[in-house]
Amino acid sequence: MALLFFGKDPNTNGDDCPTVWVDEETDDPAVVKLCSTAFESVWDLATPHEEFSF
């Protein structure tokens, strides 16, 4: 199984940084549900496109 490096916690000062690795493909229902729930939670917090400005 090849894992994809996703990122590391920038607040760890470089010592034993927690990192996130993901398997690019899975059909494990628990993983699918976890990812789906996380995406939906972030989406709910996002600024609507029509309200976004910079």
Protein backbone atom coordinates (compact mmCIF):
# COMPACT_ATOMS: atom_id res chain seq x y z
CA MET A 1 0.00 0.00 0.00
CA ALA A 2 1.47 3.36 -1.03
CA LEU A 3 0.69 6.21 1.33
CA LEU A 4 0.44 9.85 0.31
CA PHE A 5 2.05 12.48 2.55
CA PHE A 6 -0.70 14.99 3.29
CA GLY A 7 0.88 17.44 5.72
CA LYS A 8 2.31 18.16 9.13
CA ASP A 9 1.26 20.25 12.07
CA PRO A 10 3.04 23.64 11.73
CA ASN A 11 2.68 24.31 15.47
CA THR A 12 5.02 21.55 16.67
CA ASN A 13 8.30 23.52 16.47
CA GLY A 14 9.85 20.80 14.29
CA ASP A 15 10.24 18.24 17.10
CA ASP A 16 8.47 14.96 16.37
CA CYS A 17 5.87 16.72 14.21
CA PRO A 18 2.62 14.83 13.92
CA THR A 19 2.03 14.08 10.26
CA VAL A 20 -0.89 12.84 8.24
CA TRP A 21 -0.49 10.05 5.71
CA VAL A 22 -3.38 8.78 3.65
CA ASP A 23 -3.96 5.81 1.43
CA GLU A 24 -5.04 7.20 -1.93
CA GLU A 25 -7.73 4.57 -2.44
CA THR A 26 -9.93 2.77 0.01
CA ASP A 27 -13.32 1.19 0.13
CA ASP A 28 -13.36 0.89 3.92
CA PRO A 29 -16.81 2.26 4.91
CA ALA A 30 -15.44 3.76 8.14
CA VAL A 31 -12.75 5.73 6.29
CA VAL A 32 -15.20 6.86 3.63
CA LYS A 33 -17.62 8.07 6.32
CA LEU A 34 -14.84 9.84 8.24
CA CYS A 35 -13.65 11.71 5.14
CA SER A 36 -17.18 12.56 4.07
CA THR A 37 -18.10 13.89 7.51
CA ALA A 38 -14.89 15.93 7.74
CA PHE A 39 -15.48 17.46 4.30
CA GLU A 40 -19.09 18.33 5.13
CA SER A 41 -18.04 19.92 8.44
CA VAL A 42 -15.46 22.13 6.75
CA TRP A 43 -17.86 22.97 3.93
CA ASP A 44 -20.42 24.17 6.50
CA LEU A 45 -17.83 26.62 7.89
CA ALA A 46 -16.74 27.97 4.51
CA THR A 47 -17.52 31.48 3.33
CA PRO A 48 -20.12 31.40 0.56
CA HIS A 49 -18.55 32.26 -2.80
CA GLU A 50 -20.72 35.34 -3.31
CA GLU A 51 -19.63 36.74 0.09
CA PHE A 52 -15.90 36.14 -0.42
CA SER A 53 -13.64 39.11 -1.11
CA PHE A 54 -9.97 39.90 -0.77
